[in-house]
Amino acid sequence: MSAHAFADFQDLLMLGPDGDEAAVAAVRQREARLTKPAGSLGRMEELVEFLARWQGKSEPTMDDPMVAIFAANHGVTDQGVSAYPREVTQQMVNNFTRGGAAISQICALHEINLRVFELALDVPTGDITVVPAMDERTCAATIAYGMEAIAGDVDLLCIGEMGIGNTTVAAAIYAALYGGSGADWVGRGTGLDDAGLARKADAVDRALQRHAGRLDSPLAILAHLGGREIAAMLGAIIATRHQKVPVIVDGFVATAAAAIAHAVNPAAIDHCLFAHVSAEGGHDKALERMGANGLLDLGMRLGEGSGAALAAILCKTALHLHKNMATFDEASVSEKSD
């Protein structure tokens, strides 16, 4: 694959603006006056700083948080790597929009916008054990689509996905980026038995062997081994950095998009918070490779942005406390003695 096809994305990943440390300082100044011991809310205080830094606001907002689910299908499902057929991707997309899925209910309860982006569900990517998942033109166009998908007044973006077979391609991406075999990175996904898990690991190994010598850059790895939803989530990560929108990344598959960005430029994901540690095999190892850690550890492996939405609720709570708690002066409470 030619490097020039991805040159613009490489540049955008390398040239993302820095966070606003003056906004963080303003948040810390107010935090120090609130009626509580310094640092007593732990990471909840850090969440407000995270919002301020990457929104560039001394008074951060969560007026328009959004969960974006990117849905795609994968040719590698022909290898028996999933417990469910490909048709389930479209069926679950329908379930999202009708309000019947877990993420639909979480978003409705907590007033978080939910948008679902279908990525050519009737045209699965290539079976990565045989051919590249995408040609460079398709991959580049899908990254660009993901960049455009978050247009509007979003002030916090949660990225999630839906796609039968996508834990297999995510595992292949991790193996290509970080080394190891399929067995090191695959998990049971939607509920594979032992035989299915073995087929999944074997499919990753065969894909790595099939594309050996052509996985010479992170974006080439994405095109050869990835999926449209991962490419689109990468696009969203790129665009949000330049639009001053902080991002919460969901689980195993969504993190693969962040891993591609991180492999190009580790600083490219500084505006990303990782929602949770998935129960899916390899997620904790991938986070460790990026020097990251999940905010929550609930044994979840649902996908669809569910963990990211729960992390957004924590952000919303942290911001509410920051804005609405009384200061020592307002409450007539004595401050710590010198």
Protein backbone atom coordinates (compact mmCIF):
# COMPACT_ATOMS: atom_id res chain seq x y z
CA MET A 1 0.00 0.00 0.00
CA SER A 2 1.24 3.48 -0.84
CA ALA A 3 2.10 5.74 2.06
CA HIS A 4 0.68 8.83 0.34
CA ALA A 5 -2.88 7.50 0.67
CA PHE A 6 -2.67 8.04 4.42
CA ALA A 7 -0.33 11.03 4.52
CA ASP A 8 -3.00 13.54 5.53
CA PHE A 9 -4.13 11.37 8.43
CA GLN A 10 -0.52 10.88 9.53
CA ASP A 11 -0.08 14.66 9.57
CA LEU A 12 -3.29 15.22 11.53
CA LEU A 13 -2.22 12.66 14.10
CA MET A 14 1.17 14.32 14.47
CA LEU A 15 -0.10 17.91 14.61
CA GLY A 16 -2.95 17.76 17.11
CA PRO A 17 -3.23 20.81 19.39
CA ASP A 18 -2.12 20.61 23.00
CA GLY A 19 -4.50 20.68 25.93
CA ASP A 20 -5.35 23.92 27.68
CA GLU A 21 -3.38 23.99 30.92
CA ALA A 22 -4.75 27.40 31.87
CA ALA A 23 -8.24 25.88 31.89
CA VAL A 24 -6.97 23.08 34.13
CA ALA A 25 -5.43 25.61 36.51
CA ALA A 26 -8.77 27.41 36.79
CA VAL A 27 -10.52 24.13 37.60
CA ARG A 28 -7.96 23.31 40.27
CA GLN A 29 -8.35 26.76 41.78
CA ARG A 30 -12.08 26.26 42.25
CA GLU A 31 -11.61 22.66 43.37
CA ALA A 32 -9.35 23.87 46.18
CA ARG A 33 -12.17 26.06 47.56
CA LEU A 34 -14.86 23.37 47.67
CA THR A 35 -16.06 22.00 51.01
CA LYS A 36 -14.00 18.82 51.10
CA PRO A 37 -10.43 17.81 51.86
CA ALA A 38 -8.04 18.42 48.97
CA GLY A 39 -8.03 15.48 46.54
CA SER A 40 -10.71 13.61 48.45
CA LEU A 41 -12.77 12.85 45.34
CA GLY A 42 -9.78 11.15 43.73
CA ARG A 43 -10.18 10.46 40.02
CA MET A 44 -13.51 12.29 39.99
CA GLU A 45 -11.51 15.49 40.28
CA GLU A 46 -9.25 14.36 37.45
CA LEU A 47 -12.30 13.87 35.22
CA VAL A 48 -13.20 17.55 35.49
CA GLU A 49 -9.62 18.47 34.66
CA PHE A 50 -9.79 16.10 31.67
CA LEU A 51 -12.88 17.88 30.35
CA ALA A 52 -11.37 21.33 30.90
CA ARG A 53 -8.05 20.46 29.30
CA TRP A 54 -9.46 19.07 26.08
CA GLN A 55 -12.49 21.35 25.71
CA GLY A 56 -10.24 24.34 26.34
CA LYS A 57 -12.75 25.71 28.87
CA SER A 58 -12.10 26.87 32.41
CA GLU A 59 -15.75 26.02 33.01
CA PRO A 60 -16.18 22.72 31.15
CA THR A 61 -19.58 21.55 29.96
CA MET A 62 -21.51 18.38 29.29
CA ASP A 63 -24.46 19.94 27.51
CA ASP A 64 -24.21 17.70 24.44
CA PRO A 65 -22.49 14.40 25.23
CA MET A 66 -22.87 11.78 22.50
CA VAL A 67 -22.34 8.07 22.13
CA ALA A 68 -21.44 7.21 18.54
CA ILE A 69 -21.77 3.55 17.55
CA PHE A 70 -20.07 2.56 14.31
CA ALA A 71 -21.38 -0.70 12.83
CA ALA A 72 -19.71 -2.87 10.20
CA ASN A 73 -19.49 -6.46 8.99
CA HIS A 74 -16.44 -8.68 8.53
CA GLY A 75 -15.56 -11.32 5.99
CA VAL A 76 -13.51 -13.23 8.55
CA THR A 77 -16.75 -14.55 10.03
CA ASP A 78 -16.59 -17.11 7.21
CA GLN A 79 -13.91 -18.80 9.34
CA GLY A 80 -16.32 -19.63 12.17
CA VAL A 81 -14.85 -17.08 14.57
CA SER A 82 -18.14 -15.91 16.07
CA ALA A 83 -21.01 -17.61 17.87
CA TYR A 84 -23.48 -15.44 15.92
CA PRO A 85 -24.11 -14.97 12.18
CA ARG A 86 -23.32 -11.70 10.38
CA GLU A 87 -27.00 -10.77 10.13
CA VAL A 88 -26.97 -9.99 13.84
CA THR A 89 -25.04 -6.77 13.15
CA GLN A 90 -27.99 -5.27 11.25
CA GLN A 91 -30.47 -6.72 13.71
CA MET A 92 -28.65 -5.09 16.62
CA VAL A 93 -28.45 -1.78 14.76
CA ASN A 94 -32.23 -1.95 14.47
CA ASN A 95 -32.41 -2.74 18.18
CA PHE A 96 -30.27 0.31 19.01
CA THR A 97 -32.54 2.63 17.08
CA ARG A 98 -35.71 1.13 18.56
CA GLY A 99 -34.36 1.62 22.07
CA GLY A 100 -34.11 -2.06 23.00
CA ALA A 101 -30.37 -2.39 23.62
CA ALA A 102 -28.43 -1.78 26.81
CA ILE A 103 -26.74 1.30 25.35
CA SER A 104 -30.10 2.68 24.25
CA GLN A 105 -31.44 2.41 27.78
CA ILE A 106 -28.31 3.87 29.40
CA CYS A 107 -28.41 6.87 27.08
CA ALA A 108 -32.15 7.41 27.53
CA LEU A 109 -31.91 7.27 31.31
CA HIS A 110 -28.99 9.69 31.53
CA GLU A 111 -29.88 12.04 28.66
CA ILE A 112 -26.92 11.18 26.45
CA ASN A 113 -27.36 11.54 22.70
CA LEU A 114 -27.03 8.26 20.79
CA ARG A 115 -26.16 8.04 17.11
CA VAL A 116 -25.60 4.89 15.10
CA PHE A 117 -23.55 4.92 11.90
CA GLU A 118 -23.99 1.99 9.52
CA LEU A 119 -20.90 1.30 7.42
CA ALA A 120 -21.90 -0.70 4.32
CA LEU A 121 -23.33 -3.58 6.30
CA ASP A 122 -24.26 -5.39 3.10
CA VAL A 123 -20.61 -5.34 1.97
CA PRO A 124 -18.43 -7.13 4.54
CA THR A 125 -14.71 -6.41 4.58
CA GLY A 126 -12.44 -8.98 2.99
CA ASP A 127 -11.72 -12.18 4.87
CA ILE A 128 -8.37 -11.24 6.41
CA THR A 129 -7.14 -14.84 6.27
CA VAL A 130 -7.29 -14.58 2.46
CA VAL A 131 -7.26 -10.92 1.33
CA PRO A 132 -6.84 -7.46 2.86
CA ALA A 133 -9.81 -6.24 4.84
CA MET A 134 -9.88 -3.01 2.84
CA ASP A 135 -8.00 -1.44 -0.02
CA GLU A 136 -6.30 1.85 0.79
CA ARG A 137 -9.02 3.95 -0.86
CA THR A 138 -11.79 2.31 1.20
CA CYS A 139 -9.80 2.59 4.39
CA ALA A 140 -8.97 6.26 3.83
CA ALA A 141 -12.56 7.11 2.89
CA THR A 142 -13.84 5.40 6.02
CA ILE A 143 -11.41 7.29 8.26
CA ALA A 144 -12.62 10.50 6.61
CA TYR A 145 -16.24 9.46 7.19
CA GLY A 146 -15.52 8.97 10.87
CA MET A 147 -14.01 12.45 11.01
CA GLU A 148 -17.19 13.96 9.61
CA ALA A 149 -19.56 11.89 11.74
CA ILE A 150 -19.08 13.92 14.89
CA ALA A 151 -19.84 17.33 13.36
CA GLY A 152 -22.03 19.56 15.54
CA ASP A 153 -21.94 20.86 19.08
CA VAL A 154 -20.75 17.68 20.79
CA ASP A 155 -18.78 18.46 23.96
CA LEU A 156 -17.93 14.86 24.90
CA LEU A 157 -17.78 11.90 22.51
CA CYS A 158 -18.05 8.25 23.51
CA ILE A 159 -17.02 5.84 20.77
CA GLY A 160 -18.43 2.34 20.53
CA GLU A 161 -19.04 -0.29 17.88
CA MET A 162 -21.12 -3.18 16.65
CA GLY A 163 -19.90 -5.85 14.28
CA ILE A 164 -20.02 -9.61 14.41
CA GLY A 165 -16.42 -10.82 14.05
CA ASN A 166 -14.81 -7.56 15.11
CA THR A 167 -13.07 -8.92 18.20
CA THR A 168 -11.13 -11.14 15.79
CA VAL A 169 -9.90 -8.26 13.66
CA ALA A 170 -9.14 -6.21 16.78
CA ALA A 171 -7.03 -9.10 18.11
CA ALA A 172 -5.22 -9.25 14.77
CA ILE A 173 -4.46 -5.52 15.00
CA TYR A 174 -3.03 -5.92 18.50
CA ALA A 175 -0.90 -8.88 17.45
CA ALA A 176 0.46 -6.93 14.48
CA LEU A 177 1.20 -3.86 16.59
CA TYR A 178 2.56 -5.53 19.70
CA GLY A 179 3.65 -9.02 18.69
CA GLY A 180 2.51 -12.41 19.83
CA SER A 181 0.21 -15.02 18.35
CA GLY A 182 -3.53 -15.15 17.97
CA ALA A 183 -3.84 -17.09 21.20
CA ASP A 184 -2.22 -14.18 23.05
CA TRP A 185 -4.91 -11.71 22.00
CA VAL A 186 -8.21 -13.45 21.27
CA GLY A 187 -11.04 -13.96 23.73
CA ARG A 188 -14.44 -15.58 23.61
CA GLY A 189 -16.18 -12.53 22.16
CA THR A 190 -19.89 -13.18 21.96
CA GLY A 191 -19.57 -16.52 23.73
CA LEU A 192 -17.40 -18.92 21.75
CA ASP A 193 -16.82 -22.45 22.97
CA ASP A 194 -13.30 -23.90 23.11
CA ALA A 195 -13.37 -25.07 19.49
CA GLY A 196 -14.53 -21.64 18.34
CA LEU A 197 -11.81 -19.94 20.36
CA ALA A 198 -9.20 -22.15 18.70
CA ARG A 199 -10.58 -21.28 15.24
CA LYS A 200 -10.42 -17.60 16.17
CA ALA A 201 -6.77 -17.78 17.27
CA ASP A 202 -5.91 -19.74 14.13
CA ALA A 203 -7.64 -17.16 11.93
CA VAL A 204 -5.53 -14.39 13.47
CA ASP A 205 -2.35 -16.40 12.94
CA ARG A 206 -3.22 -17.13 9.31
CA ALA A 207 -4.04 -13.45 8.72
CA LEU A 208 -0.70 -12.35 10.15
CA GLN A 209 1.08 -14.87 7.95
CA ARG A 210 -0.96 -13.95 4.88
CA HIS A 211 -0.11 -10.25 5.18
CA ALA A 212 3.43 -10.58 6.49
CA GLY A 213 5.71 -7.99 4.93
CA ARG A 214 2.85 -5.59 4.26
CA LEU A 215 2.13 -4.59 7.86
CA ASP A 216 4.85 -1.96 7.88
CA SER A 217 2.89 0.96 9.32
CA PRO A 218 -0.04 1.36 11.72
CA LEU A 219 -2.38 2.51 8.97
CA ALA A 220 -1.32 -0.36 6.71
CA ILE A 221 -2.15 -2.71 9.61
CA LEU A 222 -5.58 -1.09 9.85
CA ALA A 223 -6.27 -1.52 6.14
CA HIS A 224 -5.04 -5.11 5.92
CA LEU A 225 -6.45 -6.46 9.18
CA GLY A 226 -9.06 -4.05 10.52
CA GLY A 227 -12.65 -3.15 9.88
CA ARG A 228 -14.67 -0.17 8.76
CA GLU A 229 -15.89 0.56 12.27
CA ILE A 230 -12.32 0.68 13.57
CA ALA A 231 -11.28 2.99 10.71
CA ALA A 232 -14.25 5.26 11.41
CA MET A 233 -13.49 5.38 15.13
CA LEU A 234 -9.91 6.36 14.26
CA GLY A 235 -11.34 9.19 12.17
CA ALA A 236 -13.46 10.31 15.10
CA ILE A 237 -10.40 10.30 17.36
CA ILE A 238 -8.51 12.45 14.86
CA ALA A 239 -11.32 14.96 14.35
CA THR A 240 -12.15 15.40 18.01
CA ARG A 241 -8.58 16.37 18.86
CA HIS A 242 -8.70 19.21 16.34
CA GLN A 243 -12.24 20.24 17.36
CA LYS A 244 -11.46 20.34 21.10
CA VAL A 245 -13.77 17.49 22.02
CA PRO A 246 -12.61 14.98 24.65
CA VAL A 247 -13.22 11.31 23.90
CA ILE A 248 -14.13 8.30 26.00
CA VAL A 249 -13.07 5.04 24.36
CA ASP A 250 -15.14 1.92 25.04
CA GLY A 251 -13.71 -1.59 25.21
CA PHE A 252 -11.59 -4.12 23.34
CA VAL A 253 -12.55 -3.18 19.78
CA ALA A 254 -12.79 0.60 20.24
CA THR A 255 -9.39 0.56 21.91
CA ALA A 256 -7.92 -0.95 18.72
CA ALA A 257 -8.71 2.33 16.95
CA ALA A 258 -6.90 4.25 19.69
CA ALA A 259 -4.00 1.80 19.44
CA ILE A 260 -3.55 2.64 15.75
CA ALA A 261 -3.48 6.35 16.58
CA HIS A 262 -1.08 5.76 19.47
CA ALA A 263 1.25 3.75 17.23
CA VAL A 264 1.48 6.71 14.84
CA ASN A 265 1.97 9.23 17.65
CA PRO A 266 1.55 8.40 21.34
CA ALA A 267 0.41 11.97 22.06
CA ALA A 268 -2.44 11.61 19.54
CA ILE A 269 -4.65 9.96 22.16
CA ASP A 270 -3.93 12.30 25.06
CA HIS A 271 -7.51 13.60 24.71
CA CYS A 272 -8.88 10.07 25.13
CA LEU A 273 -10.05 8.46 28.36
CA PHE A 274 -10.38 4.68 28.42
CA ALA A 275 -13.72 3.79 29.96
CA HIS A 276 -13.08 0.35 31.37
CA VAL A 277 -11.05 -2.83 31.30
CA SER A 278 -12.97 -5.34 29.23
CA ALA A 279 -13.28 -8.98 30.20
CA GLU A 280 -12.27 -9.76 26.60
CA GLY A 281 -8.82 -11.31 26.45
CA GLY A 282 -5.96 -8.95 25.74
CA HIS A 283 -7.65 -5.64 26.53
CA ASP A 284 -5.68 -5.04 29.70
CA LYS A 285 -2.46 -5.89 27.83
CA ALA A 286 -3.28 -3.41 25.07
CA LEU A 287 -3.98 -0.68 27.60
CA GLU A 288 -0.69 -1.45 29.32
CA ARG A 289 1.18 -1.15 26.02
CA MET A 290 -0.28 2.36 25.65
CA GLY A 291 0.49 3.32 29.23
CA ALA A 292 -3.24 3.67 29.89
CA ASN A 293 -5.70 2.29 32.39
CA GLY A 294 -9.44 1.88 32.39
CA LEU A 295 -11.59 4.03 34.62
CA LEU A 296 -13.86 1.10 35.51
CA ASP A 297 -13.33 -2.63 35.87
CA LEU A 298 -16.76 -4.27 35.90
CA GLY A 299 -16.07 -7.45 33.94
CA MET A 300 -18.01 -6.08 30.97
CA ARG A 301 -17.57 -7.25 27.37
CA LEU A 302 -20.74 -5.99 25.72
CA GLY A 303 -19.29 -3.38 23.39
CA GLU A 304 -21.76 -0.96 21.76
CA GLY A 305 -20.32 1.94 23.79
CA SER A 306 -21.87 0.72 27.02
CA GLY A 307 -18.75 1.09 29.15
CA ALA A 308 -18.00 4.48 27.62
CA ALA A 309 -21.50 5.70 28.46
CA LEU A 310 -21.07 4.61 32.08
CA ALA A 311 -17.80 6.52 32.23
CA ALA A 312 -19.58 9.56 30.77
CA ILE A 313 -22.07 9.35 33.63
CA LEU A 314 -19.17 9.55 36.06
CA CYS A 315 -17.86 12.58 34.16
CA LYS A 316 -21.28 14.20 34.36
CA THR A 317 -21.47 13.53 38.09
CA ALA A 318 -17.95 14.86 38.67
CA LEU A 319 -18.73 18.03 36.73
CA HIS A 320 -22.01 18.54 38.63
CA LEU A 321 -20.17 18.31 41.94
CA HIS A 322 -17.49 20.71 40.74
CA LYS A 323 -20.05 23.29 39.66
CA ASN A 324 -22.58 22.97 42.46
CA MET A 325 -20.76 22.13 45.68
CA ALA A 326 -20.45 25.07 48.04
CA THR A 327 -17.12 26.71 48.66
CA PHE A 328 -15.81 27.09 52.20
CA ASP A 329 -16.82 30.76 52.17
CA GLU A 330 -20.34 30.08 50.83
CA ALA A 331 -20.97 27.38 53.42
CA SER A 332 -19.30 29.24 56.29
CA VAL A 333 -17.08 26.21 56.85
CA SER A 334 -13.61 26.72 58.28
CA GLU A 335 -10.75 25.70 56.01
CA LYS A 336 -7.86 23.45 56.98
CA SER A 337 -5.63 24.89 59.67
CA ASP A 338 -2.12 25.92 58.66
